[in-house]
Amino acid sequence: MPSSHVDVATEHASRYLQQLCKHWAHKFPVEFDPNHGTIDLTLGRTVLDADPAALHIAVTTDEAGSL
């Protein structure tokens, strides 16, 4: 499965994770807590993980062209 990953350095990772998940919950199935979230987008699944230094985001899809 094709995937893409990014680490965003920030001291506010948990806050950003929750904001992103709440935003996307209006259009897609979302599950989250302060440190972990999943968003089931049309193109595939996005997984977000927060730690004290960064927000880690990984997107996985069945089709390489979707990334």
PDB file of N, CA and C in Angstrom:
ATOM      1  N   MET A   1       0.829  -1.177   0.000  1.00  0.00           N
ATOM      2  CA  MET A   1       0.000   0.000   0.000  1.00  0.00           C
ATOM      3  C   MET A   1       0.878   1.246   0.000  1.00  0.00           C
ATOM      4  N   PRO A   2       0.663   2.154  -0.916  1.00  0.00           N
ATOM      5  CA  PRO A   2       1.415   3.399  -0.927  1.00  0.00           C
ATOM      6  C   PRO A   2       1.086   4.237   0.310  1.00  0.00           C
ATOM      7  N   SER A   3       2.094   4.939   0.806  1.00  0.00           N
ATOM      8  CA  SER A   3       1.865   5.787   1.976  1.00  0.00           C
ATOM      9  C   SER A   3       2.780   7.002   1.927  1.00  0.00           C
ATOM     10  N   SER A   4       2.400   7.991   2.696  1.00  0.00           N
ATOM     11  CA  SER A   4       3.196   9.199   2.839  1.00  0.00           C
ATOM     12  C   SER A   4       3.194   9.570   4.313  1.00  0.00           C
ATOM     13  N   HIS A   5       4.307  10.117   4.793  1.00  0.00           N
ATOM     14  CA  HIS A   5       4.447  10.410   6.217  1.00  0.00           C
ATOM     15  C   HIS A   5       5.145  11.747   6.395  1.00  0.00           C
ATOM     16  N   VAL A   6       4.699  12.502   7.387  1.00  0.00           N
ATOM     17  CA  VAL A   6       5.352  13.769   7.716  1.00  0.00           C
ATOM     18  C   VAL A   6       5.378  13.933   9.232  1.00  0.00           C
ATOM     19  N   ASP A   7       6.436  14.538   9.731  1.00  0.00           N
ATOM     20  CA  ASP A   7       6.561  14.887  11.143  1.00  0.00           C
ATOM     21  C   ASP A   7       6.617  16.408  11.220  1.00  0.00           C
ATOM     22  N   VAL A   8       5.675  16.989  11.945  1.00  0.00           N
ATOM     23  CA  VAL A   8       5.598  18.441  12.074  1.00  0.00           C
ATOM     24  C   VAL A   8       6.054  18.822  13.480  1.00  0.00           C
ATOM     25  N   ALA A   9       7.192  19.469  13.574  1.00  0.00           N
ATOM     26  CA  ALA A   9       7.720  19.870  14.879  1.00  0.00           C
ATOM     27  C   ALA A   9       6.840  20.969  15.473  1.00  0.00           C
ATOM     28  N   THR A  10       6.296  20.709  16.661  1.00  0.00           N
ATOM     29  CA  THR A  10       5.456  21.681  17.353  1.00  0.00           C
ATOM     30  C   THR A  10       5.294  21.277  18.810  1.00  0.00           C
ATOM     31  N   GLU A  11       5.140  22.250  19.659  1.00  0.00           N
ATOM     32  CA  GLU A  11       4.862  21.978  21.065  1.00  0.00           C
ATOM     33  C   GLU A  11       3.359  21.822  21.310  1.00  0.00           C
ATOM     34  N   HIS A  12       2.547  21.995  20.243  1.00  0.00           N
ATOM     35  CA  HIS A  12       1.087  21.964  20.367  1.00  0.00           C
ATOM     36  C   HIS A  12       0.470  20.821  19.564  1.00  0.00           C
ATOM     37  N   ALA A  13       1.174  19.716  19.453  1.00  0.00           N
ATOM     38  CA  ALA A  13       0.730  18.604  18.608  1.00  0.00           C
ATOM     39  C   ALA A  13      -0.645  18.079  19.003  1.00  0.00           C
ATOM     40  N   SER A  14      -0.887  17.888  20.275  1.00  0.00           N
ATOM     41  CA  SER A  14      -2.174  17.356  20.716  1.00  0.00           C
ATOM     42  C   SER A  14      -3.318  18.292  20.333  1.00  0.00           C
ATOM     43  N   ARG A  15      -3.129  19.568  20.526  1.00  0.00           N
ATOM     44  CA  ARG A  15      -4.171  20.542  20.172  1.00  0.00           C
ATOM     45  C   ARG A  15      -4.448  20.505  18.671  1.00  0.00           C
ATOM     46  N   TYR A  16      -3.397  20.476  17.850  1.00  0.00           N
ATOM     47  CA  TYR A  16      -3.585  20.443  16.403  1.00  0.00           C
ATOM     48  C   TYR A  16      -4.244  19.142  15.959  1.00  0.00           C
ATOM     49  N   LEU A  17      -3.851  18.019  16.552  1.00  0.00           N
ATOM     50  CA  LEU A  17      -4.462  16.730  16.234  1.00  0.00           C
ATOM     51  C   LEU A  17      -5.965  16.804  16.475  1.00  0.00           C
ATOM     52  N   GLN A  18      -6.361  17.306  17.622  1.00  0.00           N
ATOM     53  CA  GLN A  18      -7.782  17.386  17.958  1.00  0.00           C
ATOM     54  C   GLN A  18      -8.525  18.352  17.035  1.00  0.00           C
ATOM     55  N   GLN A  19      -7.916  19.473  16.687  1.00  0.00           N
ATOM     56  CA  GLN A  19      -8.551  20.427  15.778  1.00  0.00           C
ATOM     57  C   GLN A  19      -8.751  19.815  14.396  1.00  0.00           C
ATOM     58  N   LEU A  20      -7.728  19.131  13.882  1.00  0.00           N
ATOM     59  CA  LEU A  20      -7.848  18.497  12.568  1.00  0.00           C
ATOM     60  C   LEU A  20      -8.926  17.423  12.565  1.00  0.00           C
ATOM     61  N   CYS A  21      -8.950  16.606  13.602  1.00  0.00           N
ATOM     62  CA  CYS A  21      -9.947  15.534  13.665  1.00  0.00           C
ATOM     63  C   CYS A  21     -11.360  16.096  13.773  1.00  0.00           C
ATOM     64  N   LYS A  22     -11.555  17.117  14.581  1.00  0.00           N
ATOM     65  CA  LYS A  22     -12.885  17.735  14.701  1.00  0.00           C
ATOM     66  C   LYS A  22     -13.314  18.345  13.371  1.00  0.00           C
ATOM     67  N   HIS A  23     -12.378  18.962  12.662  1.00  0.00           N
ATOM     68  CA  HIS A  23     -12.682  19.562  11.361  1.00  0.00           C
ATOM     69  C   HIS A  23     -13.134  18.500  10.359  1.00  0.00           C
ATOM     70  N   TRP A  24     -12.364  17.433  10.225  1.00  0.00           N
ATOM     71  CA  TRP A  24     -12.671  16.406   9.233  1.00  0.00           C
ATOM     72  C   TRP A  24     -13.856  15.540   9.626  1.00  0.00           C
ATOM     73  N   ALA A  25     -14.237  15.534  10.897  1.00  0.00           N
ATOM     74  CA  ALA A  25     -15.378  14.724  11.351  1.00  0.00           C
ATOM     75  C   ALA A  25     -16.688  15.167  10.712  1.00  0.00           C
ATOM     76  N   HIS A  26     -16.724  16.360  10.143  1.00  0.00           N
ATOM     77  CA  HIS A  26     -17.934  16.832   9.470  1.00  0.00           C
ATOM     78  C   HIS A  26     -18.150  16.127   8.137  1.00  0.00           C
ATOM     79  N   LYS A  27     -17.098  15.508   7.590  1.00  0.00           N
ATOM     80  CA  LYS A  27     -17.201  14.879   6.271  1.00  0.00           C
ATOM     81  C   LYS A  27     -16.818  13.407   6.242  1.00  0.00           C
ATOM     82  N   PHE A  28     -16.018  12.947   7.208  1.00  0.00           N
ATOM     83  CA  PHE A  28     -15.488  11.588   7.169  1.00  0.00           C
ATOM     84  C   PHE A  28     -15.562  10.946   8.550  1.00  0.00           C
ATOM     85  N   PRO A  29     -15.546   9.599   8.595  1.00  0.00           N
ATOM     86  CA  PRO A  29     -15.481   8.916   9.894  1.00  0.00           C
ATOM     87  C   PRO A  29     -14.146   9.218  10.584  1.00  0.00           C
ATOM     88  N   VAL A  30     -14.227   9.630  11.840  1.00  0.00           N
ATOM     89  CA  VAL A  30     -13.050  10.038  12.607  1.00  0.00           C
ATOM     90  C   VAL A  30     -13.132   9.453  14.010  1.00  0.00           C
ATOM     91  N   GLU A  31     -11.991   9.014  14.518  1.00  0.00           N
ATOM     92  CA  GLU A  31     -11.863   8.609  15.918  1.00  0.00           C
ATOM     93  C   GLU A  31     -10.594   9.263  16.444  1.00  0.00           C
ATOM     94  N   PHE A  32     -10.663   9.811  17.668  1.00  0.00           N
ATOM     95  CA  PHE A  32      -9.453  10.424  18.214  1.00  0.00           C
ATOM     96  C   PHE A  32      -9.533  10.582  19.723  1.00  0.00           C
ATOM     97  N   ASP A  33      -8.352  10.698  20.295  1.00  0.00           N
ATOM     98  CA  ASP A  33      -8.175  11.098  21.686  1.00  0.00           C
ATOM     99  C   ASP A  33      -7.036  12.124  21.657  1.00  0.00           C
ATOM    100  N   PRO A  34      -6.593  12.649  22.779  1.00  0.00           N
ATOM    101  CA  PRO A  34      -5.572  13.697  22.725  1.00  0.00           C
ATOM    102  C   PRO A  34      -4.237  13.305  22.081  1.00  0.00           C
ATOM    103  N   ASN A  35      -3.945  12.005  21.981  1.00  0.00           N
ATOM    104  CA  ASN A  35      -2.639  11.589  21.454  1.00  0.00           C
ATOM    105  C   ASN A  35      -2.675  10.788  20.161  1.00  0.00           C
ATOM    106  N   HIS A  36      -3.853  10.364  19.723  1.00  0.00           N
ATOM    107  CA  HIS A  36      -3.944   9.511  18.540  1.00  0.00           C
ATOM    108  C   HIS A  36      -5.267   9.771  17.835  1.00  0.00           C
ATOM    109  N   GLY A  37      -5.221   9.795  16.506  1.00  0.00           N
ATOM    110  CA  GLY A  37      -6.446   9.964  15.744  1.00  0.00           C
ATOM    111  C   GLY A  37      -6.379   9.240  14.422  1.00  0.00           C
ATOM    112  N   THR A  38      -7.553   8.852  13.915  1.00  0.00           N
ATOM    113  CA  THR A  38      -7.654   8.270  12.578  1.00  0.00           C
ATOM    114  C   THR A  38      -8.773   8.975  11.833  1.00  0.00           C
ATOM    115  N   ILE A  39      -8.527   9.215  10.551  1.00  0.00           N
ATOM    116  CA  ILE A  39      -9.514   9.826   9.672  1.00  0.00           C
ATOM    117  C   ILE A  39      -9.622   8.924   8.452  1.00  0.00           C
ATOM    118  N   ASP A  40     -10.812   8.406   8.189  1.00  0.00           N
ATOM    119  CA  ASP A  40     -11.018   7.539   7.035  1.00  0.00           C
ATOM    120  C   ASP A  40     -11.492   8.378   5.853  1.00  0.00           C
ATOM    121  N   LEU A  41     -10.517   8.954   5.139  1.00  0.00           N
ATOM    122  CA  LEU A  41     -10.799   9.772   3.969  1.00  0.00           C
ATOM    123  C   LEU A  41     -11.216   8.891   2.800  1.00  0.00           C
ATOM    124  N   THR A  42     -11.789   9.498   1.770  1.00  0.00           N
ATOM    125  CA  THR A  42     -12.171   8.763   0.572  1.00  0.00           C
ATOM    126  C   THR A  42     -10.964   8.085  -0.067  1.00  0.00           C
ATOM    127  N   LEU A  43      -9.809   8.749  -0.066  1.00  0.00           N
ATOM    128  CA  LEU A  43      -8.616   8.208  -0.721  1.00  0.00           C
ATOM    129  C   LEU A  43      -7.889   7.175   0.117  1.00  0.00           C
ATOM    130  N   GLY A  44      -8.157   7.116   1.426  1.00  0.00           N
ATOM    131  CA  GLY A  44      -7.473   6.169   2.302  1.00  0.00           C
ATOM    132  C   GLY A  44      -7.545   6.615   3.744  1.00  0.00           C
ATOM    133  N   ARG A  45      -6.698   6.066   4.561  1.00  0.00           N
ATOM    134  CA  ARG A  45      -6.718   6.344   5.998  1.00  0.00           C
ATOM    135  C   ARG A  45      -5.566   7.262   6.375  1.00  0.00           C
ATOM    136  N   THR A  46      -5.880   8.218   7.222  1.00  0.00           N
ATOM    137  CA  THR A  46      -4.878   9.108   7.796  1.00  0.00           C
ATOM    138  C   THR A  46      -4.763   8.802   9.279  1.00  0.00           C
ATOM    139  N   VAL A  47      -3.541   8.627   9.757  1.00  0.00           N
ATOM    140  CA  VAL A  47      -3.282   8.370  11.173  1.00  0.00           C
ATOM    141  C   VAL A  47      -2.439   9.520  11.707  1.00  0.00           C
ATOM    142  N   LEU A  48      -2.888  10.086  12.817  1.00  0.00           N
ATOM    143  CA  LEU A  48      -2.180  11.194  13.456  1.00  0.00           C
ATOM    144  C   LEU A  48      -1.764  10.766  14.856  1.00  0.00           C
ATOM    145  N   ASP A  49      -0.524  11.063  15.209  1.00  0.00           N
ATOM    146  CA  ASP A  49      -0.014  10.776  16.547  1.00  0.00           C
ATOM    147  C   ASP A  49       0.688  12.021  17.070  1.00  0.00           C
ATOM    148  N   ALA A  50       0.367  12.374  18.316  1.00  0.00           N
ATOM    149  CA  ALA A  50       0.966  13.549  18.943  1.00  0.00           C
ATOM    150  C   ALA A  50       1.901  13.126  20.059  1.00  0.00           C
ATOM    151  N   ASP A  51       3.046  13.785  20.128  1.00  0.00           N
ATOM    152  CA  ASP A  51       3.939  13.625  21.275  1.00  0.00           C
ATOM    153  C   ASP A  51       4.378  15.037  21.684  1.00  0.00           C
ATOM    154  N   PRO A  52       5.139  15.192  22.737  1.00  0.00           N
ATOM    155  CA  PRO A  52       5.487  16.540  23.209  1.00  0.00           C
ATOM    156  C   PRO A  52       6.268  17.397  22.206  1.00  0.00           C
ATOM    157  N   ALA A  53       6.887  16.783  21.210  1.00  0.00           N
ATOM    158  CA  ALA A  53       7.732  17.536  20.286  1.00  0.00           C
ATOM    159  C   ALA A  53       7.202  17.641  18.861  1.00  0.00           C
ATOM    160  N   ALA A  54       6.199  16.809  18.486  1.00  0.00           N
ATOM    161  CA  ALA A  54       5.783  16.806  17.083  1.00  0.00           C
ATOM    162  C   ALA A  54       4.417  16.167  16.883  1.00  0.00           C
ATOM    163  N   LEU A  55       3.820  16.512  15.743  1.00  0.00           N
ATOM    164  CA  LEU A  55       2.621  15.842  15.252  1.00  0.00           C
ATOM    165  C   LEU A  55       3.070  14.969  14.091  1.00  0.00           C
ATOM    166  N   HIS A  56       2.804  13.676  14.172  1.00  0.00           N
ATOM    167  CA  HIS A  56       3.198  12.707  13.155  1.00  0.00           C
ATOM    168  C   HIS A  56       1.949  12.340  12.358  1.00  0.00           C
ATOM    169  N   ILE A  57       2.023  12.484  11.038  1.00  0.00           N
ATOM    170  CA  ILE A  57       0.876  12.229  10.178  1.00  0.00           C
ATOM    171  C   ILE A  57       1.279  11.226   9.109  1.00  0.00           C
ATOM    172  N   ALA A  58       0.480  10.166   8.960  1.00  0.00           N
ATOM    173  CA  ALA A  58       0.718   9.155   7.928  1.00  0.00           C
ATOM    174  C   ALA A  58      -0.574   8.932   7.149  1.00  0.00           C
ATOM    175  N   VAL A  59      -0.465   8.937   5.827  1.00  0.00           N
ATOM    176  CA  VAL A  59      -1.606   8.679   4.952  1.00  0.00           C
ATOM    177  C   VAL A  59      -1.304   7.415   4.171  1.00  0.00           C
ATOM    178  N   THR A  60      -2.249   6.477   4.182  1.00  0.00           N
ATOM    179  CA  THR A  60      -2.107   5.217   3.453  1.00  0.00           C
ATOM    180  C   THR A  60      -3.296   5.070   2.513  1.00  0.00           C
ATOM    181  N   THR A  61      -3.029   4.607   1.281  1.00  0.00           N
ATOM    182  CA  THR A  61      -4.081   4.459   0.288  1.00  0.00           C
ATOM    183  C   THR A  61      -3.866   3.183  -0.508  1.00  0.00           C
ATOM    184  N   ASP A  62      -4.888   2.750  -1.217  1.00  0.00           N
ATOM    185  CA  ASP A  62      -4.766   1.577  -2.077  1.00  0.00           C
ATOM    186  C   ASP A  62      -4.186   1.937  -3.442  1.00  0.00           C
ATOM    187  N   GLU A  63      -4.292   3.208  -3.837  1.00  0.00           N
ATOM    188  CA  GLU A  63      -3.855   3.640  -5.157  1.00  0.00           C
ATOM    189  C   GLU A  63      -2.744   4.683  -5.048  1.00  0.00           C
ATOM    190  N   ALA A  64      -1.617   4.415  -5.671  1.00  0.00           N
ATOM    191  CA  ALA A  64      -0.472   5.329  -5.593  1.00  0.00           C
ATOM    192  C   ALA A  64      -0.810   6.717  -6.122  1.00  0.00           C
ATOM    193  N   GLY A  65      -1.639   6.803  -7.145  1.00  0.00           N
ATOM    194  CA  GLY A  65      -1.994   8.092  -7.724  1.00  0.00           C
ATOM    195  C   GLY A  65      -2.830   8.964  -6.813  1.00  0.00           C
ATOM    196  N   SER A  66      -3.375   8.391  -5.749  1.00  0.00           N
ATOM    197  CA  SER A  66      -4.211   9.160  -4.821  1.00  0.00           C
ATOM    198  C   SER A  66      -3.399  10.033  -3.888  1.00  0.00           C
ATOM    199  N   LEU A  67      -2.111   9.730  -3.735  1.00  0.00           N
ATOM    200  CA  LEU A  67      -1.284  10.546  -2.853  1.00  0.00           C
ATOM    201  C   LEU A  67      -0.867  11.756  -3.606  1.00  0.00           C
TER     202      LEU A  67
END
